[in-house]
Amino acid sequence: MPTQRRVQKVAEAIREIVSMAILAELKDPRIHDVTVTYVEVSADLRHAKVHVSVMGDDAQQRLTLRGLQSAAGFLQARLARELELRYTPKLTFLLDQGVKRSIEIARILKEVLPAEERPEEESDDIQNDEGQGNDEGRMTNDE
């Protein structure tokens, strides 16, 4: 059995290879605006779950996932050429909802928090205070 460190290194290598292949080599019109967020590899290195984030509505996301699943064989062949493993991992593509959830949480927080309590405005006030009357402790060439 491979060590946990080796599994993590293989997962990172798969993420890099698959994301570059999706970006540069896949010509399927269904596959665009895809980001490979992370990869989970089984302990025996035979299966890999590739988590992807897709920009677009639900229909576009489903269409892109179908396109990725149909390109899985091509991507596995690409992995077999790049990685020196006894077995090439079988790729499964899953939609990563993390980005979508964080956008939704940000929208909800923006609605809930009053405008005067937002952190961006507080940092602007601090910067304005620092620029006024701060020359007291500085040495000048006149002295």
C-alpha atoms as a PDB file:
ATOM      1  CA  MET A   1       0.000   0.000   0.000  1.00  0.00           C
ATOM      2  CA  PRO A   2       1.275   3.480  -0.839  1.00  0.00           C
ATOM      3  CA  THR A   3       1.822   5.963   1.939  1.00  0.00           C
ATOM      4  CA  GLN A   4      -0.533   8.875   2.514  1.00  0.00           C
ATOM      5  CA  ARG A   5       2.135  11.263   1.267  1.00  0.00           C
ATOM      6  CA  ARG A   6       2.418   9.365  -2.022  1.00  0.00           C
ATOM      7  CA  VAL A   7      -1.368   9.374  -2.440  1.00  0.00           C
ATOM      8  CA  GLN A   8      -1.385  13.159  -1.973  1.00  0.00           C
ATOM      9  CA  LYS A   9       1.440  13.630  -4.482  1.00  0.00           C
ATOM     10  CA  VAL A  10      -0.370  11.478  -7.051  1.00  0.00           C
ATOM     11  CA  ALA A  11      -3.598  13.429  -6.445  1.00  0.00           C
ATOM     12  CA  GLU A  12      -1.788  16.731  -7.044  1.00  0.00           C
ATOM     13  CA  ALA A  13      -0.129  15.384 -10.199  1.00  0.00           C
ATOM     14  CA  ILE A  14      -3.501  14.183 -11.505  1.00  0.00           C
ATOM     15  CA  ARG A  15      -5.018  17.600 -10.774  1.00  0.00           C
ATOM     16  CA  GLU A  16      -2.278  19.375 -12.725  1.00  0.00           C
ATOM     17  CA  ILE A  17      -2.348  17.028 -15.709  1.00  0.00           C
ATOM     18  CA  VAL A  18      -6.133  16.899 -15.987  1.00  0.00           C
ATOM     19  CA  SER A  19      -6.564  20.656 -15.642  1.00  0.00           C
ATOM     20  CA  MET A  20      -3.937  21.373 -18.310  1.00  0.00           C
ATOM     21  CA  ALA A  21      -5.457  18.762 -20.643  1.00  0.00           C
ATOM     22  CA  ILE A  22      -8.945  20.236 -20.176  1.00  0.00           C
ATOM     23  CA  LEU A  23      -7.619  23.712 -20.868  1.00  0.00           C
ATOM     24  CA  ALA A  24      -5.371  22.962 -23.833  1.00  0.00           C
ATOM     25  CA  GLU A  25      -6.316  19.667 -25.436  1.00  0.00           C
ATOM     26  CA  LEU A  26     -10.051  18.998 -25.151  1.00  0.00           C
ATOM     27  CA  LYS A  27     -12.007  20.260 -28.142  1.00  0.00           C
ATOM     28  CA  ASP A  28     -15.494  19.297 -26.904  1.00  0.00           C
ATOM     29  CA  PRO A  29     -17.758  22.390 -27.130  1.00  0.00           C
ATOM     30  CA  ARG A  30     -19.615  21.270 -23.991  1.00  0.00           C
ATOM     31  CA  ILE A  31     -16.487  21.687 -21.898  1.00  0.00           C
ATOM     32  CA  HIS A  32     -15.594  25.278 -21.063  1.00  0.00           C
ATOM     33  CA  ASP A  33     -15.237  27.476 -17.968  1.00  0.00           C
ATOM     34  CA  VAL A  34     -14.043  24.471 -15.932  1.00  0.00           C
ATOM     35  CA  THR A  35     -11.705  24.616 -12.945  1.00  0.00           C
ATOM     36  CA  VAL A  36     -10.330  21.463 -11.325  1.00  0.00           C
ATOM     37  CA  THR A  37     -10.552  22.281  -7.619  1.00  0.00           C
ATOM     38  CA  TYR A  38      -9.118  19.113  -6.093  1.00  0.00           C
ATOM     39  CA  VAL A  39      -8.692  15.367  -6.637  1.00  0.00           C
ATOM     40  CA  GLU A  40      -9.359  12.504  -4.239  1.00  0.00           C
ATOM     41  CA  VAL A  41      -7.403   9.306  -4.925  1.00  0.00           C
ATOM     42  CA  SER A  42      -8.203   5.933  -3.380  1.00  0.00           C
ATOM     43  CA  ALA A  43      -5.564   4.287  -1.203  1.00  0.00           C
ATOM     44  CA  ASP A  44      -4.766   1.706  -3.901  1.00  0.00           C
ATOM     45  CA  LEU A  45      -4.377   4.465  -6.544  1.00  0.00           C
ATOM     46  CA  ARG A  46      -6.927   2.802  -8.856  1.00  0.00           C
ATOM     47  CA  HIS A  47      -9.731   5.376  -8.595  1.00  0.00           C
ATOM     48  CA  ALA A  48      -9.683   9.171  -8.649  1.00  0.00           C
ATOM     49  CA  LYS A  49     -12.570  11.549  -8.003  1.00  0.00           C
ATOM     50  CA  VAL A  50     -11.906  14.805  -9.850  1.00  0.00           C
ATOM     51  CA  HIS A  51     -13.854  17.693  -8.312  1.00  0.00           C
ATOM     52  CA  VAL A  52     -14.574  20.452 -10.803  1.00  0.00           C
ATOM     53  CA  SER A  53     -16.159  23.875 -10.556  1.00  0.00           C
ATOM     54  CA  VAL A  54     -18.152  24.993 -13.604  1.00  0.00           C
ATOM     55  CA  MET A  55     -19.277  28.553 -14.227  1.00  0.00           C
ATOM     56  CA  GLY A  56     -22.836  28.729 -15.494  1.00  0.00           C
ATOM     57  CA  ASP A  57     -26.334  27.609 -14.625  1.00  0.00           C
ATOM     58  CA  ASP A  58     -27.344  24.067 -13.621  1.00  0.00           C
ATOM     59  CA  ALA A  59     -28.002  22.984 -17.224  1.00  0.00           C
ATOM     60  CA  GLN A  60     -24.537  24.157 -18.306  1.00  0.00           C
ATOM     61  CA  GLN A  61     -22.957  22.365 -15.334  1.00  0.00           C
ATOM     62  CA  ARG A  62     -24.706  19.070 -16.144  1.00  0.00           C
ATOM     63  CA  LEU A  63     -23.745  19.379 -19.816  1.00  0.00           C
ATOM     64  CA  THR A  64     -20.106  20.018 -18.904  1.00  0.00           C
ATOM     65  CA  LEU A  65     -20.051  17.033 -16.533  1.00  0.00           C
ATOM     66  CA  ARG A  66     -21.401  14.781 -19.296  1.00  0.00           C
ATOM     67  CA  GLY A  67     -18.708  16.106 -21.628  1.00  0.00           C
ATOM     68  CA  LEU A  68     -16.014  15.436 -19.037  1.00  0.00           C
ATOM     69  CA  GLN A  69     -17.288  11.906 -18.438  1.00  0.00           C
ATOM     70  CA  SER A  70     -17.177  11.223 -22.173  1.00  0.00           C
ATOM     71  CA  ALA A  71     -13.599  12.549 -22.296  1.00  0.00           C
ATOM     72  CA  ALA A  72     -12.536  10.465 -19.274  1.00  0.00           C
ATOM     73  CA  GLY A  73     -10.891   7.807 -21.467  1.00  0.00           C
ATOM     74  CA  PHE A  74      -8.794  10.408 -23.282  1.00  0.00           C
ATOM     75  CA  LEU A  75      -7.786  11.987 -19.971  1.00  0.00           C
ATOM     76  CA  GLN A  76      -6.894   8.590 -18.483  1.00  0.00           C
ATOM     77  CA  ALA A  77      -4.676   7.865 -21.503  1.00  0.00           C
ATOM     78  CA  ARG A  78      -3.013  11.241 -20.936  1.00  0.00           C
ATOM     79  CA  LEU A  79      -2.428  10.314 -17.277  1.00  0.00           C
ATOM     80  CA  ALA A  80      -0.955   6.952 -18.294  1.00  0.00           C
ATOM     81  CA  ARG A  81       1.592   8.739 -20.526  1.00  0.00           C
ATOM     82  CA  GLU A  82       2.548  11.306 -17.871  1.00  0.00           C
ATOM     83  CA  LEU A  83       2.524   9.271 -14.637  1.00  0.00           C
ATOM     84  CA  GLU A  84       4.615   6.212 -13.969  1.00  0.00           C
ATOM     85  CA  LEU A  85       2.075   4.099 -12.113  1.00  0.00           C
ATOM     86  CA  ARG A  86       1.305   0.404 -12.272  1.00  0.00           C
ATOM     87  CA  TYR A  87      -2.406   1.162 -12.728  1.00  0.00           C
ATOM     88  CA  THR A  88      -3.915   4.264 -14.283  1.00  0.00           C
ATOM     89  CA  PRO A  89      -6.634   5.623 -11.988  1.00  0.00           C
ATOM     90  CA  LYS A  90     -10.212   5.475 -13.274  1.00  0.00           C
ATOM     91  CA  LEU A  91     -11.472   9.052 -13.371  1.00  0.00           C
ATOM     92  CA  THR A  92     -14.857  10.112 -12.035  1.00  0.00           C
ATOM     93  CA  PHE A  93     -15.918  13.740 -12.314  1.00  0.00           C
ATOM     94  CA  LEU A  94     -17.932  15.399  -9.547  1.00  0.00           C
ATOM     95  CA  LEU A  95     -19.320  18.904  -9.356  1.00  0.00           C
ATOM     96  CA  ASP A  96     -17.735  20.956  -6.568  1.00  0.00           C
ATOM     97  CA  GLN A  97     -20.420  23.113  -4.965  1.00  0.00           C
ATOM     98  CA  GLY A  98     -17.958  25.025  -2.740  1.00  0.00           C
ATOM     99  CA  VAL A  99     -17.632  28.068  -5.002  1.00  0.00           C
ATOM    100  CA  LYS A 100     -21.373  28.251  -5.566  1.00  0.00           C
ATOM    101  CA  ARG A 101     -22.028  28.030  -1.823  1.00  0.00           C
ATOM    102  CA  SER A 102     -19.487  30.724  -0.978  1.00  0.00           C
ATOM    103  CA  ILE A 103     -21.042  33.110  -3.514  1.00  0.00           C
ATOM    104  CA  GLU A 104     -24.480  32.431  -2.025  1.00  0.00           C
ATOM    105  CA  ILE A 105     -23.201  33.019   1.534  1.00  0.00           C
ATOM    106  CA  ALA A 106     -21.567  36.296   0.468  1.00  0.00           C
ATOM    107  CA  ARG A 107     -24.838  37.426  -1.117  1.00  0.00           C
ATOM    108  CA  ILE A 108     -26.814  36.577   2.034  1.00  0.00           C
ATOM    109  CA  LEU A 109     -24.296  38.374   4.263  1.00  0.00           C
ATOM    110  CA  LYS A 110     -24.437  41.436   2.042  1.00  0.00           C
ATOM    111  CA  GLU A 111     -28.225  41.524   2.450  1.00  0.00           C
ATOM    112  CA  VAL A 112     -28.135  40.952   6.215  1.00  0.00           C
ATOM    113  CA  LEU A 113     -25.307  43.306   7.235  1.00  0.00           C
ATOM    114  CA  PRO A 114     -26.163  47.003   7.233  1.00  0.00           C
ATOM    115  CA  ALA A 115     -24.087  49.171   4.913  1.00  0.00           C
ATOM    116  CA  GLU A 116     -22.298  51.082   7.708  1.00  0.00           C
ATOM    117  CA  GLU A 117     -20.934  47.904   9.323  1.00  0.00           C
ATOM    118  CA  ARG A 118     -19.084  46.573   6.262  1.00  0.00           C
ATOM    119  CA  PRO A 119     -15.337  46.081   6.804  1.00  0.00           C
ATOM    120  CA  GLU A 120     -14.312  47.805   3.525  1.00  0.00           C
ATOM    121  CA  GLU A 121     -15.627  51.154   4.716  1.00  0.00           C
ATOM    122  CA  GLU A 122     -13.851  50.860   8.073  1.00  0.00           C
ATOM    123  CA  SER A 123     -10.472  50.306   6.389  1.00  0.00           C
ATOM    124  CA  ASP A 124     -11.031  53.416   4.228  1.00  0.00           C
ATOM    125  CA  ASP A 125     -11.602  55.500   7.373  1.00  0.00           C
ATOM    126  CA  ILE A 126      -8.398  54.211   8.968  1.00  0.00           C
ATOM    127  CA  GLN A 127      -6.324  55.068   5.886  1.00  0.00           C
ATOM    128  CA  ASN A 128      -7.730  58.611   5.842  1.00  0.00           C
ATOM    129  CA  ASP A 129      -6.835  59.151   9.528  1.00  0.00           C
ATOM    130  CA  GLU A 130      -3.253  57.927   9.036  1.00  0.00           C
ATOM    131  CA  GLY A 131      -2.479  60.441   6.309  1.00  0.00           C
ATOM    132  CA  GLN A 132      -3.356  63.504   8.414  1.00  0.00           C
ATOM    133  CA  GLY A 133      -0.919  65.145  10.847  1.00  0.00           C
ATOM    134  CA  ASN A 134       1.559  62.287  11.019  1.00  0.00           C
ATOM    135  CA  ASP A 135       4.711  64.323  10.410  1.00  0.00           C
ATOM    136  CA  GLU A 136       5.489  64.986  14.107  1.00  0.00           C
ATOM    137  CA  GLY A 137       8.134  62.327  14.746  1.00  0.00           C
ATOM    138  CA  ARG A 138       9.957  62.518  11.419  1.00  0.00           C
ATOM    139  CA  MET A 139      13.350  64.116  10.891  1.00  0.00           C
ATOM    140  CA  THR A 140      13.670  66.508   7.992  1.00  0.00           C
ATOM    141  CA  ASN A 141      16.700  67.948   6.232  1.00  0.00           C
ATOM    142  CA  ASP A 142      15.898  71.385   7.711  1.00  0.00           C
ATOM    143  CA  GLU A 143      16.838  70.344  11.268  1.00  0.00           C
END
